[in-house]
Amino acid sequence: MAYAISDDCIMCGACAAECPVSAITEGDGKYVIDADTCIECGACAGTCPVGAPAQA
């Protein structure tokens, strides 16, 4: 199950920098994860200061 970013996102970009497959991009008010590209590694969740990325 791919990860998704909740509305708790503070737009810091930490998750995007850690994603090994570049599945995370800046969206409208929060970062978004492309579910088709996500490899479910959890790197984004491990680096987020507010815990916004989680398995969908």
PDB file of N, CA and C in Angstrom:
ATOM      1  N   MET A   1       0.844  -1.164   0.000  1.00  0.00           N
ATOM      2  CA  MET A   1       0.000   0.000   0.000  1.00  0.00           C
ATOM      3  C   MET A   1       0.904   1.247   0.000  1.00  0.00           C
ATOM      4  N   ALA A   2       0.737   2.108  -0.939  1.00  0.00           N
ATOM      5  CA  ALA A   2       1.565   3.310  -1.082  1.00  0.00           C
ATOM      6  C   ALA A   2       1.333   4.284   0.061  1.00  0.00           C
ATOM      7  N   TYR A   3       2.284   5.162   0.253  1.00  0.00           N
ATOM      8  CA  TYR A   3       2.169   6.206   1.265  1.00  0.00           C
ATOM      9  C   TYR A   3       1.386   7.395   0.707  1.00  0.00           C
ATOM     10  N   ALA A   4       0.791   8.166   1.599  1.00  0.00           N
ATOM     11  CA  ALA A   4       0.087   9.399   1.254  1.00  0.00           C
ATOM     12  C   ALA A   4       0.453  10.429   2.309  1.00  0.00           C
ATOM     13  N   ILE A   5       0.351  11.695   1.968  1.00  0.00           N
ATOM     14  CA  ILE A   5       0.699  12.769   2.886  1.00  0.00           C
ATOM     15  C   ILE A   5      -0.571  13.452   3.356  1.00  0.00           C
ATOM     16  N   SER A   6      -0.706  13.555   4.679  1.00  0.00           N
ATOM     17  CA  SER A   6      -1.908  14.150   5.265  1.00  0.00           C
ATOM     18  C   SER A   6      -1.857  15.676   5.212  1.00  0.00           C
ATOM     19  N   ASP A   7      -2.943  16.282   5.639  1.00  0.00           N
ATOM     20  CA  ASP A   7      -3.032  17.741   5.685  1.00  0.00           C
ATOM     21  C   ASP A   7      -2.139  18.338   6.769  1.00  0.00           C
ATOM     22  N   ASP A   8      -1.493  17.500   7.583  1.00  0.00           N
ATOM     23  CA  ASP A   8      -0.567  17.970   8.608  1.00  0.00           C
ATOM     24  C   ASP A   8       0.740  18.482   7.990  1.00  0.00           C
ATOM     25  N   CYS A   9       0.942  18.247   6.703  1.00  0.00           N
ATOM     26  CA  CYS A   9       2.160  18.645   5.989  1.00  0.00           C
ATOM     27  C   CYS A   9       2.449  20.132   6.188  1.00  0.00           C
ATOM     28  N   ILE A  10       3.713  20.447   6.534  1.00  0.00           N
ATOM     29  CA  ILE A  10       4.121  21.837   6.725  1.00  0.00           C
ATOM     30  C   ILE A  10       4.989  22.344   5.569  1.00  0.00           C
ATOM     31  N   MET A  11       5.037  21.593   4.472  1.00  0.00           N
ATOM     32  CA  MET A  11       5.752  21.992   3.251  1.00  0.00           C
ATOM     33  C   MET A  11       7.253  22.218   3.468  1.00  0.00           C
ATOM     34  N   CYS A  12       7.878  21.429   4.330  1.00  0.00           N
ATOM     35  CA  CYS A  12       9.303  21.616   4.598  1.00  0.00           C
ATOM     36  C   CYS A  12      10.186  20.971   3.530  1.00  0.00           C
ATOM     37  N   GLY A  13       9.665  19.967   2.830  1.00  0.00           N
ATOM     38  CA  GLY A  13      10.415  19.317   1.763  1.00  0.00           C
ATOM     39  C   GLY A  13      11.321  18.188   2.206  1.00  0.00           C
ATOM     40  N   ALA A  14      11.359  17.896   3.486  1.00  0.00           N
ATOM     41  CA  ALA A  14      12.228  16.830   3.989  1.00  0.00           C
ATOM     42  C   ALA A  14      11.898  15.483   3.356  1.00  0.00           C
ATOM     43  N   CYS A  15      10.639  15.197   3.173  1.00  0.00           N
ATOM     44  CA  CYS A  15      10.222  13.914   2.607  1.00  0.00           C
ATOM     45  C   CYS A  15      10.666  13.779   1.152  1.00  0.00           C
ATOM     46  N   ALA A  16      10.493  14.840   0.395  1.00  0.00           N
ATOM     47  CA  ALA A  16      10.864  14.804  -1.026  1.00  0.00           C
ATOM     48  C   ALA A  16      12.357  14.573  -1.194  1.00  0.00           C
ATOM     49  N   ALA A  17      13.152  15.168  -0.321  1.00  0.00           N
ATOM     50  CA  ALA A  17      14.600  15.008  -0.391  1.00  0.00           C
ATOM     51  C   ALA A  17      15.036  13.581  -0.084  1.00  0.00           C
ATOM     52  N   GLU A  18      14.272  12.860   0.726  1.00  0.00           N
ATOM     53  CA  GLU A  18      14.625  11.495   1.128  1.00  0.00           C
ATOM     54  C   GLU A  18      14.082  10.417   0.201  1.00  0.00           C
ATOM     55  N   CYS A  19      13.113  10.728  -0.637  1.00  0.00           N
ATOM     56  CA  CYS A  19      12.484   9.716  -1.485  1.00  0.00           C
ATOM     57  C   CYS A  19      13.469   9.202  -2.543  1.00  0.00           C
ATOM     58  N   PRO A  20      13.781   7.905  -2.519  1.00  0.00           N
ATOM     59  CA  PRO A  20      14.773   7.358  -3.450  1.00  0.00           C
ATOM     60  C   PRO A  20      14.280   7.236  -4.894  1.00  0.00           C
ATOM     61  N   VAL A  21      12.967   7.351  -5.106  1.00  0.00           N
ATOM     62  CA  VAL A  21      12.421   7.212  -6.460  1.00  0.00           C
ATOM     63  C   VAL A  21      11.725   8.483  -6.944  1.00  0.00           C
ATOM     64  N   SER A  22      11.917   9.579  -6.239  1.00  0.00           N
ATOM     65  CA  SER A  22      11.337  10.880  -6.601  1.00  0.00           C
ATOM     66  C   SER A  22       9.822  10.830  -6.809  1.00  0.00           C
ATOM     67  N   ALA A  23       9.135  10.130  -5.918  1.00  0.00           N
ATOM     68  CA  ALA A  23       7.680  10.002  -6.008  1.00  0.00           C
ATOM     69  C   ALA A  23       6.950  11.172  -5.364  1.00  0.00           C
ATOM     70  N   ILE A  24       7.689  12.045  -4.673  1.00  0.00           N
ATOM     71  CA  ILE A  24       7.062  13.127  -3.923  1.00  0.00           C
ATOM     72  C   ILE A  24       7.316  14.464  -4.612  1.00  0.00           C
ATOM     73  N   THR A  25       6.224  15.190  -4.839  1.00  0.00           N
ATOM     74  CA  THR A  25       6.324  16.500  -5.481  1.00  0.00           C
ATOM     75  C   THR A  25       5.511  17.516  -4.698  1.00  0.00           C
ATOM     76  N   GLU A  26       5.818  18.788  -4.930  1.00  0.00           N
ATOM     77  CA  GLU A  26       5.103  19.861  -4.262  1.00  0.00           C
ATOM     78  C   GLU A  26       3.715  20.000  -4.869  1.00  0.00           C
ATOM     79  N   GLY A  27       2.713  19.955  -4.011  1.00  0.00           N
ATOM     80  CA  GLY A  27       1.343  20.107  -4.471  1.00  0.00           C
ATOM     81  C   GLY A  27       0.775  21.438  -4.012  1.00  0.00           C
ATOM     82  N   ASP A  28      -0.526  21.554  -3.992  1.00  0.00           N
ATOM     83  CA  ASP A  28      -1.205  22.779  -3.600  1.00  0.00           C
ATOM     84  C   ASP A  28      -1.403  22.784  -2.083  1.00  0.00           C
ATOM     85  N   GLY A  29      -0.479  23.380  -1.359  1.00  0.00           N
ATOM     86  CA  GLY A  29      -0.581  23.461   0.089  1.00  0.00           C
ATOM     87  C   GLY A  29       0.053  22.322   0.851  1.00  0.00           C
ATOM     88  N   LYS A  30       0.450  21.277   0.169  1.00  0.00           N
ATOM     89  CA  LYS A  30       1.148  20.154   0.798  1.00  0.00           C
ATOM     90  C   LYS A  30       1.848  19.345  -0.281  1.00  0.00           C
ATOM     91  N   TYR A  31       2.808  18.548   0.131  1.00  0.00           N
ATOM     92  CA  TYR A  31       3.464  17.651  -0.818  1.00  0.00           C
ATOM     93  C   TYR A  31       2.541  16.472  -1.113  1.00  0.00           C
ATOM     94  N   VAL A  32       2.714  15.862  -2.280  1.00  0.00           N
ATOM     95  CA  VAL A  32       1.896  14.711  -2.674  1.00  0.00           C
ATOM     96  C   VAL A  32       2.804  13.577  -3.139  1.00  0.00           C
ATOM     97  N   ILE A  33       2.330  12.363  -2.969  1.00  0.00           N
ATOM     98  CA  ILE A  33       3.072  11.169  -3.360  1.00  0.00           C
ATOM     99  C   ILE A  33       2.354  10.491  -4.514  1.00  0.00           C
ATOM    100  N   ASP A  34       3.086  10.203  -5.577  1.00  0.00           N
ATOM    101  CA  ASP A  34       2.544   9.461  -6.716  1.00  0.00           C
ATOM    102  C   ASP A  34       2.503   7.983  -6.323  1.00  0.00           C
ATOM    103  N   ALA A  35       1.311   7.474  -6.118  1.00  0.00           N
ATOM    104  CA  ALA A  35       1.133   6.098  -5.653  1.00  0.00           C
ATOM    105  C   ALA A  35       1.711   5.073  -6.625  1.00  0.00           C
ATOM    106  N   ASP A  36       1.726   5.385  -7.904  1.00  0.00           N
ATOM    107  CA  ASP A  36       2.261   4.446  -8.894  1.00  0.00           C
ATOM    108  C   ASP A  36       3.781   4.373  -8.850  1.00  0.00           C
ATOM    109  N   THR A  37       4.426   5.419  -8.355  1.00  0.00           N
ATOM    110  CA  THR A  37       5.886   5.468  -8.279  1.00  0.00           C
ATOM    111  C   THR A  37       6.395   5.023  -6.908  1.00  0.00           C
ATOM    112  N   CYS A  38       5.619   5.238  -5.871  1.00  0.00           N
ATOM    113  CA  CYS A  38       6.001   4.922  -4.490  1.00  0.00           C
ATOM    114  C   CYS A  38       6.363   3.433  -4.358  1.00  0.00           C
ATOM    115  N   ILE A  39       7.517   3.170  -3.715  1.00  0.00           N
ATOM    116  CA  ILE A  39       7.954   1.787  -3.498  1.00  0.00           C
ATOM    117  C   ILE A  39       7.734   1.345  -2.051  1.00  0.00           C
ATOM    118  N   GLU A  40       7.012   2.155  -1.282  1.00  0.00           N
ATOM    119  CA  GLU A  40       6.619   1.830   0.087  1.00  0.00           C
ATOM    120  C   GLU A  40       7.809   1.589   1.007  1.00  0.00           C
ATOM    121  N   CYS A  41       8.888   2.351   0.829  1.00  0.00           N
ATOM    122  CA  CYS A  41      10.089   2.151   1.636  1.00  0.00           C
ATOM    123  C   CYS A  41       9.989   2.802   3.009  1.00  0.00           C
ATOM    124  N   GLY A  42       9.157   3.828   3.155  1.00  0.00           N
ATOM    125  CA  GLY A  42       8.988   4.504   4.431  1.00  0.00           C
ATOM    126  C   GLY A  42      10.007   5.586   4.738  1.00  0.00           C
ATOM    127  N   ALA A  43      10.900   5.881   3.799  1.00  0.00           N
ATOM    128  CA  ALA A  43      11.913   6.911   4.034  1.00  0.00           C
ATOM    129  C   ALA A  43      11.270   8.266   4.326  1.00  0.00           C
ATOM    130  N   CYS A  44      10.183   8.569   3.656  1.00  0.00           N
ATOM    131  CA  CYS A  44       9.493   9.845   3.857  1.00  0.00           C
ATOM    132  C   CYS A  44       8.929   9.947   5.270  1.00  0.00           C
ATOM    133  N   ALA A  45       8.324   8.874   5.738  1.00  0.00           N
ATOM    134  CA  ALA A  45       7.727   8.876   7.072  1.00  0.00           C
ATOM    135  C   ALA A  45       8.798   9.019   8.146  1.00  0.00           C
ATOM    136  N   GLY A  46       9.952   8.432   7.905  1.00  0.00           N
ATOM    137  CA  GLY A  46      11.027   8.484   8.884  1.00  0.00           C
ATOM    138  C   GLY A  46      11.683   9.837   9.019  1.00  0.00           C
ATOM    139  N   THR A  47      11.556  10.677   8.016  1.00  0.00           N
ATOM    140  CA  THR A  47      12.208  11.981   8.046  1.00  0.00           C
ATOM    141  C   THR A  47      11.270  13.139   8.319  1.00  0.00           C
ATOM    142  N   CYS A  48       9.980  12.943   8.234  1.00  0.00           N
ATOM    143  CA  CYS A  48       9.004  14.026   8.401  1.00  0.00           C
ATOM    144  C   CYS A  48       8.915  14.469   9.871  1.00  0.00           C
ATOM    145  N   PRO A  49       9.095  15.777  10.127  1.00  0.00           N
ATOM    146  CA  PRO A  49       9.034  16.257  11.510  1.00  0.00           C
ATOM    147  C   PRO A  49       7.632  16.270  12.126  1.00  0.00           C
ATOM    148  N   VAL A  50       6.591  16.164  11.289  1.00  0.00           N
ATOM    149  CA  VAL A  50       5.224  16.195  11.819  1.00  0.00           C
ATOM    150  C   VAL A  50       4.450  14.898  11.543  1.00  0.00           C
ATOM    151  N   GLY A  51       5.103  13.895  10.979  1.00  0.00           N
ATOM    152  CA  GLY A  51       4.447  12.619  10.736  1.00  0.00           C
ATOM    153  C   GLY A  51       3.359  12.628   9.685  1.00  0.00           C
ATOM    154  N   ALA A  52       3.483  13.514   8.703  1.00  0.00           N
ATOM    155  CA  ALA A  52       2.437  13.632   7.670  1.00  0.00           C
ATOM    156  C   ALA A  52       2.360  12.422   6.728  1.00  0.00           C
ATOM    157  N   PRO A  53       3.491  11.838   6.279  1.00  0.00           N
ATOM    158  CA  PRO A  53       3.371  10.670   5.402  1.00  0.00           C
ATOM    159  C   PRO A  53       2.992   9.409   6.199  1.00  0.00           C
ATOM    160  N   ALA A  54       2.030   8.671   5.670  1.00  0.00           N
ATOM    161  CA  ALA A  54       1.614   7.416   6.276  1.00  0.00           C
ATOM    162  C   ALA A  54       1.083   6.500   5.195  1.00  0.00           C
ATOM    163  N   GLN A  55       1.065   5.209   5.481  1.00  0.00           N
ATOM    164  CA  GLN A  55       0.528   4.283   4.487  1.00  0.00           C
ATOM    165  C   GLN A  55      -0.952   4.544   4.315  1.00  0.00           C
ATOM    166  N   ALA A  56      -1.358   4.637   3.054  1.00  0.00           N
ATOM    167  CA  ALA A  56      -2.757   4.945   2.730  1.00  0.00           C
ATOM    168  C   ALA A  56      -3.653   3.731   2.878  1.00  0.00           C
TER     169      ALA A  56
END
